[in-house]
Amino acid sequence: MRFLFSLLGIVWAPPFRVAVGKYLKPTGNQLEIDVVNSWRNRLIGDRDKAKDKRLTKTNVTIRPDWQLQKSGLLGPVQLVQASEK
């Protein structure tokens, strides 16, 4: 059975956890994680583009001193067993 990431959850702030237990089978599971850039980096990427070439629209002022931040999968992926509440 294949699930779209958005069905399992979208996380954008720590602790970056998604509950997958109800979708797991005893064996043969395959987990795929889509990693995207941060919103701030996207805004910085659009900062110097012509308005018709930008991918974002915002009322946030993108300051010239903003620098790209590390993004992506910055640490190991861990599967942890959570206790039932």
PDB file of N, CA and C in Angstrom:
ATOM      1  N   MET A   1       0.854  -1.164   0.000  1.00  0.00           N
ATOM      2  CA  MET A   1       0.000   0.000   0.000  1.00  0.00           C
ATOM      3  C   MET A   1       0.906   1.235   0.000  1.00  0.00           C
ATOM      4  N   ARG A   2       0.637   2.203  -0.860  1.00  0.00           N
ATOM      5  CA  ARG A   2       1.464   3.402  -0.973  1.00  0.00           C
ATOM      6  C   ARG A   2       0.637   4.608  -0.548  1.00  0.00           C
ATOM      7  N   PHE A   3       1.207   5.445   0.304  1.00  0.00           N
ATOM      8  CA  PHE A   3       0.515   6.632   0.789  1.00  0.00           C
ATOM      9  C   PHE A   3       1.257   7.877   0.355  1.00  0.00           C
ATOM     10  N   LEU A   4       0.532   8.895   0.007  1.00  0.00           N
ATOM     11  CA  LEU A   4       1.154  10.185  -0.260  1.00  0.00           C
ATOM     12  C   LEU A   4       1.617  10.789   1.054  1.00  0.00           C
ATOM     13  N   PHE A   5       2.731  11.496   1.007  1.00  0.00           N
ATOM     14  CA  PHE A   5       3.296  12.099   2.208  1.00  0.00           C
ATOM     15  C   PHE A   5       2.267  12.946   2.937  1.00  0.00           C
ATOM     16  N   SER A   6       1.489  13.690   2.207  1.00  0.00           N
ATOM     17  CA  SER A   6       0.522  14.570   2.864  1.00  0.00           C
ATOM     18  C   SER A   6      -0.533  13.793   3.647  1.00  0.00           C
ATOM     19  N   LEU A   7      -0.740  12.521   3.323  1.00  0.00           N
ATOM     20  CA  LEU A   7      -1.676  11.723   4.095  1.00  0.00           C
ATOM     21  C   LEU A   7      -1.101  11.350   5.455  1.00  0.00           C
ATOM     22  N   LEU A   8       0.197  11.211   5.524  1.00  0.00           N
ATOM     23  CA  LEU A   8       0.838  10.865   6.793  1.00  0.00           C
ATOM     24  C   LEU A   8       1.125  12.098   7.630  1.00  0.00           C
ATOM     25  N   GLY A   9       1.331  13.204   6.999  1.00  0.00           N
ATOM     26  CA  GLY A   9       1.566  14.434   7.735  1.00  0.00           C
ATOM     27  C   GLY A   9       2.613  15.301   7.065  1.00  0.00           C
ATOM     28  N   ILE A  10       2.472  16.571   7.269  1.00  0.00           N
ATOM     29  CA  ILE A  10       3.455  17.544   6.808  1.00  0.00           C
ATOM     30  C   ILE A  10       3.992  18.222   8.052  1.00  0.00           C
ATOM     31  N   VAL A  11       5.292  18.205   8.203  1.00  0.00           N
ATOM     32  CA  VAL A  11       5.898  18.825   9.375  1.00  0.00           C
ATOM     33  C   VAL A  11       6.827  19.949   8.920  1.00  0.00           C
ATOM     34  N   TRP A  12       6.724  21.076   9.591  1.00  0.00           N
ATOM     35  CA  TRP A  12       7.540  22.228   9.208  1.00  0.00           C
ATOM     36  C   TRP A  12       8.245  22.866  10.403  1.00  0.00           C
ATOM     37  N   ALA A  13       8.069  22.294  11.569  1.00  0.00           N
ATOM     38  CA  ALA A  13       8.717  22.821  12.772  1.00  0.00           C
ATOM     39  C   ALA A  13       9.063  21.644  13.684  1.00  0.00           C
ATOM     40  N   PRO A  14      10.111  21.792  14.505  1.00  0.00           N
ATOM     41  CA  PRO A  14      10.473  20.721  15.436  1.00  0.00           C
ATOM     42  C   PRO A  14       9.286  20.335  16.294  1.00  0.00           C
ATOM     43  N   PRO A  15       9.156  19.090  16.624  1.00  0.00           N
ATOM     44  CA  PRO A  15      10.147  18.015  16.575  1.00  0.00           C
ATOM     45  C   PRO A  15      10.142  17.191  15.295  1.00  0.00           C
ATOM     46  N   PHE A  16       9.452  17.592  14.236  1.00  0.00           N
ATOM     47  CA  PHE A  16       9.466  16.904  12.945  1.00  0.00           C
ATOM     48  C   PHE A  16       9.122  15.418  13.084  1.00  0.00           C
ATOM     49  N   ARG A  17       7.994  15.125  13.669  1.00  0.00           N
ATOM     50  CA  ARG A  17       7.576  13.730  13.871  1.00  0.00           C
ATOM     51  C   ARG A  17       6.230  13.479  13.217  1.00  0.00           C
ATOM     52  N   VAL A  18       6.107  12.300  12.641  1.00  0.00           N
ATOM     53  CA  VAL A  18       4.861  11.876  12.014  1.00  0.00           C
ATOM     54  C   VAL A  18       4.566  10.467  12.507  1.00  0.00           C
ATOM     55  N   ALA A  19       3.355  10.248  12.978  1.00  0.00           N
ATOM     56  CA  ALA A  19       2.952   8.912  13.435  1.00  0.00           C
ATOM     57  C   ALA A  19       2.622   8.050  12.218  1.00  0.00           C
ATOM     58  N   VAL A  20       3.283   6.911  12.101  1.00  0.00           N
ATOM     59  CA  VAL A  20       3.074   6.018  10.962  1.00  0.00           C
ATOM     60  C   VAL A  20       2.573   4.643  11.383  1.00  0.00           C
ATOM     61  N   GLY A  21       2.472   4.403  12.674  1.00  0.00           N
ATOM     62  CA  GLY A  21       2.167   3.070  13.196  1.00  0.00           C
ATOM     63  C   GLY A  21       0.957   2.395  12.603  1.00  0.00           C
ATOM     64  N   LYS A  22      -0.119   3.117  12.394  1.00  0.00           N
ATOM     65  CA  LYS A  22      -1.336   2.465  11.895  1.00  0.00           C
ATOM     66  C   LYS A  22      -1.227   2.047  10.434  1.00  0.00           C
ATOM     67  N   TYR A  23      -0.172   2.497   9.740  1.00  0.00           N
ATOM     68  CA  TYR A  23       0.023   2.131   8.340  1.00  0.00           C
ATOM     69  C   TYR A  23       1.047   1.011   8.145  1.00  0.00           C
ATOM     70  N   LEU A  24       1.732   0.613   9.204  1.00  0.00           N
ATOM     71  CA  LEU A  24       2.792  -0.382   9.080  1.00  0.00           C
ATOM     72  C   LEU A  24       2.245  -1.800   9.030  1.00  0.00           C
ATOM     73  N   LYS A  25       2.908  -2.621   8.224  1.00  0.00           N
ATOM     74  CA  LYS A  25       2.618  -4.051   8.141  1.00  0.00           C
ATOM     75  C   LYS A  25       3.708  -4.765   8.940  1.00  0.00           C
ATOM     76  N   PRO A  26       3.512  -6.045   9.279  1.00  0.00           N
ATOM     77  CA  PRO A  26       4.546  -6.768  10.025  1.00  0.00           C
ATOM     78  C   PRO A  26       5.892  -6.798   9.304  1.00  0.00           C
ATOM     79  N   THR A  27       5.895  -6.862   7.973  1.00  0.00           N
ATOM     80  CA  THR A  27       7.143  -6.854   7.196  1.00  0.00           C
ATOM     81  C   THR A  27       6.889  -6.145   5.864  1.00  0.00           C
ATOM     82  N   GLY A  28       7.977  -5.806   5.179  1.00  0.00           N
ATOM     83  CA  GLY A  28       7.868  -5.270   3.832  1.00  0.00           C
ATOM     84  C   GLY A  28       7.502  -3.804   3.732  1.00  0.00           C
ATOM     85  N   ASN A  29       7.694  -3.055   4.795  1.00  0.00           N
ATOM     86  CA  ASN A  29       7.381  -1.635   4.762  1.00  0.00           C
ATOM     87  C   ASN A  29       8.458  -0.856   4.018  1.00  0.00           C
ATOM     88  N   GLN A  30       8.046   0.177   3.336  1.00  0.00           N
ATOM     89  CA  GLN A  30       8.984   1.078   2.669  1.00  0.00           C
ATOM     90  C   GLN A  30       8.561   2.499   3.009  1.00  0.00           C
ATOM     91  N   LEU A  31       9.497   3.266   3.542  1.00  0.00           N
ATOM     92  CA  LEU A  31       9.218   4.638   3.951  1.00  0.00           C
ATOM     93  C   LEU A  31       9.946   5.590   3.020  1.00  0.00           C
ATOM     94  N   GLU A  32       9.215   6.528   2.438  1.00  0.00           N
ATOM     95  CA  GLU A  32       9.814   7.557   1.595  1.00  0.00           C
ATOM     96  C   GLU A  32       9.547   8.903   2.241  1.00  0.00           C
ATOM     97  N   ILE A  33      10.564   9.727   2.279  1.00  0.00           N
ATOM     98  CA  ILE A  33      10.450  11.052   2.886  1.00  0.00           C
ATOM     99  C   ILE A  33      10.792  12.087   1.832  1.00  0.00           C
ATOM    100  N   ASP A  34       9.891  13.025   1.613  1.00  0.00           N
ATOM    101  CA  ASP A  34      10.157  14.141   0.715  1.00  0.00           C
ATOM    102  C   ASP A  34      10.651  15.303   1.558  1.00  0.00           C
ATOM    103  N   VAL A  35      11.768  15.858   1.171  1.00  0.00           N
ATOM    104  CA  VAL A  35      12.356  16.986   1.898  1.00  0.00           C
ATOM    105  C   VAL A  35      12.347  18.182   0.964  1.00  0.00           C
ATOM    106  N   VAL A  36      11.867  19.288   1.470  1.00  0.00           N
ATOM    107  CA  VAL A  36      11.815  20.506   0.660  1.00  0.00           C
ATOM    108  C   VAL A  36      12.571  21.627   1.365  1.00  0.00           C
ATOM    109  N   ASN A  37      12.773  22.691   0.659  1.00  0.00           N
ATOM    110  CA  ASN A  37      13.497  23.834   1.184  1.00  0.00           C
ATOM    111  C   ASN A  37      12.640  24.610   2.181  1.00  0.00           C
ATOM    112  N   SER A  38      13.266  25.492   2.933  1.00  0.00           N
ATOM    113  CA  SER A  38      12.518  26.317   3.881  1.00  0.00           C
ATOM    114  C   SER A  38      11.860  27.494   3.157  1.00  0.00           C
ATOM    115  N   TRP A  39      10.804  28.002   3.745  1.00  0.00           N
ATOM    116  CA  TRP A  39      10.089  29.149   3.188  1.00  0.00           C
ATOM    117  C   TRP A  39      11.029  30.355   3.089  1.00  0.00           C
ATOM    118  N   ARG A  40      11.822  30.590   4.122  1.00  0.00           N
ATOM    119  CA  ARG A  40      12.747  31.720   4.107  1.00  0.00           C
ATOM    120  C   ARG A  40      13.739  31.604   2.940  1.00  0.00           C
ATOM    121  N   ASN A  41      14.298  30.417   2.718  1.00  0.00           N
ATOM    122  CA  ASN A  41      15.215  30.234   1.588  1.00  0.00           C
ATOM    123  C   ASN A  41      14.511  30.461   0.255  1.00  0.00           C
ATOM    124  N   ARG A  42      13.246  30.047   0.150  1.00  0.00           N
ATOM    125  CA  ARG A  42      12.496  30.285  -1.084  1.00  0.00           C
ATOM    126  C   ARG A  42      12.336  31.785  -1.322  1.00  0.00           C
ATOM    127  N   LEU A  43      12.016  32.518  -0.247  1.00  0.00           N
ATOM    128  CA  LEU A  43      11.871  33.972  -0.367  1.00  0.00           C
ATOM    129  C   LEU A  43      13.187  34.626  -0.779  1.00  0.00           C
ATOM    130  N   ILE A  44      14.284  34.172  -0.192  1.00  0.00           N
ATOM    131  CA  ILE A  44      15.598  34.705  -0.546  1.00  0.00           C
ATOM    132  C   ILE A  44      15.901  34.387  -2.012  1.00  0.00           C
ATOM    133  N   GLY A  45      15.556  33.193  -2.448  1.00  0.00           N
ATOM    134  CA  GLY A  45      15.773  32.815  -3.839  1.00  0.00           C
ATOM    135  C   GLY A  45      14.997  33.686  -4.813  1.00  0.00           C
ATOM    136  N   ASP A  46      13.825  34.135  -4.405  1.00  0.00           N
ATOM    137  CA  ASP A  46      13.001  34.992  -5.251  1.00  0.00           C
ATOM    138  C   ASP A  46      13.362  36.474  -5.143  1.00  0.00           C
ATOM    139  N   ARG A  47      14.094  36.833  -4.122  1.00  0.00           N
ATOM    140  CA  ARG A  47      14.352  38.240  -3.793  1.00  0.00           C
ATOM    141  C   ARG A  47      14.836  39.054  -4.989  1.00  0.00           C
ATOM    142  N   ASP A  48      15.781  38.551  -5.743  1.00  0.00           N
ATOM    143  CA  ASP A  48      16.398  39.324  -6.816  1.00  0.00           C
ATOM    144  C   ASP A  48      15.812  39.024  -8.198  1.00  0.00           C
ATOM    145  N   LYS A  49      14.736  38.263  -8.225  1.00  0.00           N
ATOM    146  CA  LYS A  49      14.096  37.954  -9.508  1.00  0.00           C
ATOM    147  C   LYS A  49      13.052  39.012  -9.833  1.00  0.00           C
ATOM    148  N   ALA A  50      12.787  39.169 -11.108  1.00  0.00           N
ATOM    149  CA  ALA A  50      11.698  40.053 -11.531  1.00  0.00           C
ATOM    150  C   ALA A  50      10.388  39.503 -10.974  1.00  0.00           C
ATOM    151  N   LYS A  51       9.434  40.370 -10.672  1.00  0.00           N
ATOM    152  CA  LYS A  51       8.180  39.927 -10.039  1.00  0.00           C
ATOM    153  C   LYS A  51       7.477  38.830 -10.837  1.00  0.00           C
ATOM    154  N   ASP A  52       7.539  38.886 -12.160  1.00  0.00           N
ATOM    155  CA  ASP A  52       6.855  37.871 -12.963  1.00  0.00           C
ATOM    156  C   ASP A  52       7.602  36.535 -12.997  1.00  0.00           C
ATOM    157  N   LYS A  53       8.819  36.474 -12.469  1.00  0.00           N
ATOM    158  CA  LYS A  53       9.614  35.240 -12.424  1.00  0.00           C
ATOM    159  C   LYS A  53       9.638  34.606 -11.035  1.00  0.00           C
ATOM    160  N   ARG A  54       9.082  35.272 -10.033  1.00  0.00           N
ATOM    161  CA  ARG A  54       9.093  34.755  -8.655  1.00  0.00           C
ATOM    162  C   ARG A  54       8.082  33.622  -8.490  1.00  0.00           C
ATOM    163  N   LEU A  55       8.417  32.701  -7.611  1.00  0.00           N
ATOM    164  CA  LEU A  55       7.516  31.592  -7.296  1.00  0.00           C
ATOM    165  C   LEU A  55       6.642  31.895  -6.087  1.00  0.00           C
ATOM    166  N   THR A  56       6.952  32.967  -5.366  1.00  0.00           N
ATOM    167  CA  THR A  56       6.227  33.297  -4.143  1.00  0.00           C
ATOM    168  C   THR A  56       5.652  34.703  -4.220  1.00  0.00           C
ATOM    169  N   LYS A  57       4.611  34.907  -3.435  1.00  0.00           N
ATOM    170  CA  LYS A  57       4.043  36.238  -3.229  1.00  0.00           C
ATOM    171  C   LYS A  57       3.847  36.383  -1.731  1.00  0.00           C
ATOM    172  N   THR A  58       4.323  37.475  -1.178  1.00  0.00           N
ATOM    173  CA  THR A  58       4.234  37.651   0.264  1.00  0.00           C
ATOM    174  C   THR A  58       4.229  39.124   0.617  1.00  0.00           C
ATOM    175  N   ASN A  59       3.759  39.410   1.820  1.00  0.00           N
ATOM    176  CA  ASN A  59       3.854  40.773   2.337  1.00  0.00           C
ATOM    177  C   ASN A  59       5.051  40.912   3.277  1.00  0.00           C
ATOM    178  N   VAL A  60       5.857  39.871   3.384  1.00  0.00           N
ATOM    179  CA  VAL A  60       7.056  39.890   4.219  1.00  0.00           C
ATOM    180  C   VAL A  60       8.143  40.665   3.486  1.00  0.00           C
ATOM    181  N   THR A  61       8.839  41.528   4.217  1.00  0.00           N
ATOM    182  CA  THR A  61       9.970  42.235   3.632  1.00  0.00           C
ATOM    183  C   THR A  61      11.187  41.321   3.682  1.00  0.00           C
ATOM    184  N   ILE A  62      11.705  40.969   2.522  1.00  0.00           N
ATOM    185  CA  ILE A  62      12.880  40.103   2.445  1.00  0.00           C
ATOM    186  C   ILE A  62      14.102  41.008   2.491  1.00  0.00           C
ATOM    187  N   ARG A  63      14.755  41.012   3.628  1.00  0.00           N
ATOM    188  CA  ARG A  63      15.854  41.945   3.863  1.00  0.00           C
ATOM    189  C   ARG A  63      17.089  41.565   3.053  1.00  0.00           C
ATOM    190  N   PRO A  64      17.842  42.562   2.604  1.00  0.00           N
ATOM    191  CA  PRO A  64      19.038  42.271   1.808  1.00  0.00           C
ATOM    192  C   PRO A  64      20.129  41.540   2.588  1.00  0.00           C
ATOM    193  N   ASP A  65      20.117  41.625   3.920  1.00  0.00           N
ATOM    194  CA  ASP A  65      21.154  40.948   4.708  1.00  0.00           C
ATOM    195  C   ASP A  65      20.806  39.486   5.008  1.00  0.00           C
ATOM    196  N   TRP A  66      19.614  39.030   4.644  1.00  0.00           N
ATOM    197  CA  TRP A  66      19.265  37.628   4.844  1.00  0.00           C
ATOM    198  C   TRP A  66      20.137  36.749   3.961  1.00  0.00           C
ATOM    199  N   GLN A  67      20.673  35.680   4.538  1.00  0.00           N
ATOM    200  CA  GLN A  67      21.492  34.705   3.823  1.00  0.00           C
ATOM    201  C   GLN A  67      20.767  33.363   3.821  1.00  0.00           C
ATOM    202  N   LEU A  68      21.069  32.553   2.827  1.00  0.00           N
ATOM    203  CA  LEU A  68      20.475  31.223   2.790  1.00  0.00           C
ATOM    204  C   LEU A  68      20.871  30.440   4.033  1.00  0.00           C
ATOM    205  N   GLN A  69      19.916  29.685   4.566  1.00  0.00           N
ATOM    206  CA  GLN A  69      20.154  28.854   5.738  1.00  0.00           C
ATOM    207  C   GLN A  69      20.274  27.390   5.304  1.00  0.00           C
ATOM    208  N   LYS A  70      20.948  26.607   6.123  1.00  0.00           N
ATOM    209  CA  LYS A  70      20.997  25.170   5.852  1.00  0.00           C
ATOM    210  C   LYS A  70      19.569  24.650   5.820  1.00  0.00           C
ATOM    211  N   SER A  71      19.324  23.749   4.888  1.00  0.00           N
ATOM    212  CA  SER A  71      17.997  23.145   4.832  1.00  0.00           C
ATOM    213  C   SER A  71      18.129  21.754   4.233  1.00  0.00           C
ATOM    214  N   GLY A  72      17.056  21.029   4.267  1.00  0.00           N
ATOM    215  CA  GLY A  72      17.073  19.665   3.775  1.00  0.00           C
ATOM    216  C   GLY A  72      17.094  18.695   4.935  1.00  0.00           C
ATOM    217  N   LEU A  73      17.535  17.509   4.686  1.00  0.00           N
ATOM    218  CA  LEU A  73      17.616  16.481   5.722  1.00  0.00           C
ATOM    219  C   LEU A  73      18.943  16.661   6.445  1.00  0.00           C
ATOM    220  N   LEU A  74      18.919  17.357   7.580  1.00  0.00           N
ATOM    221  CA  LEU A  74      20.140  17.768   8.273  1.00  0.00           C
ATOM    222  C   LEU A  74      20.608  16.771   9.323  1.00  0.00           C
ATOM    223  N   GLY A  75      19.882  15.753   9.564  1.00  0.00           N
ATOM    224  CA  GLY A  75      20.282  14.767  10.563  1.00  0.00           C
ATOM    225  C   GLY A  75      19.754  13.398  10.185  1.00  0.00           C
ATOM    226  N   PRO A  76      20.040  12.413  10.994  1.00  0.00           N
ATOM    227  CA  PRO A  76      19.585  11.064  10.657  1.00  0.00           C
ATOM    228  C   PRO A  76      18.082  10.918  10.847  1.00  0.00           C
ATOM    229  N   VAL A  77      17.489  10.101  10.013  1.00  0.00           N
ATOM    230  CA  VAL A  77      16.083   9.735  10.182  1.00  0.00           C
ATOM    231  C   VAL A  77      16.042   8.592  11.177  1.00  0.00           C
ATOM    232  N   GLN A  78      15.191   8.703  12.163  1.00  0.00           N
ATOM    233  CA  GLN A  78      15.068   7.659  13.170  1.00  0.00           C
ATOM    234  C   GLN A  78      13.630   7.199  13.261  1.00  0.00           C
ATOM    235  N   LEU A  79      13.446   5.908  13.353  1.00  0.00           N
ATOM    236  CA  LEU A  79      12.139   5.348  13.645  1.00  0.00           C
ATOM    237  C   LEU A  79      12.136   5.019  15.120  1.00  0.00           C
ATOM    238  N   VAL A  80      11.255   5.640  15.854  1.00  0.00           N
ATOM    239  CA  VAL A  80      11.192   5.407  17.301  1.00  0.00           C
ATOM    240  C   VAL A  80       9.826   4.864  17.641  1.00  0.00           C
ATOM    241  N   GLN A  81       9.821   3.964  18.597  1.00  0.00           N
ATOM    242  CA  GLN A  81       8.547   3.397  19.054  1.00  0.00           C
ATOM    243  C   GLN A  81       8.005   4.266  20.151  1.00  0.00           C
ATOM    244  N   ALA A  82       6.813   4.761  19.961  1.00  0.00           N
ATOM    245  CA  ALA A  82       6.175   5.589  20.964  1.00  0.00           C
ATOM    246  C   ALA A  82       5.237   4.730  21.800  1.00  0.00           C
ATOM    247  N   SER A  83       5.138   5.050  23.042  1.00  0.00           N
ATOM    248  CA  SER A  83       4.216   4.312  23.896  1.00  0.00           C
ATOM    249  C   SER A  83       2.818   4.844  23.707  1.00  0.00           C
ATOM    250  N   GLU A  84       1.845   3.976  23.850  1.00  0.00           N
ATOM    251  CA  GLU A  84       0.441   4.368  23.736  1.00  0.00           C
ATOM    252  C   GLU A  84       0.062   5.188  24.952  1.00  0.00           C
ATOM    253  N   LYS A  85      -0.745   6.203  24.733  1.00  0.00           N
ATOM    254  CA  LYS A  85      -1.195   7.051  25.859  1.00  0.00           C
ATOM    255  C   LYS A  85      -2.448   6.518  26.462  1.00  0.00           C
TER     256      LYS A  85
END
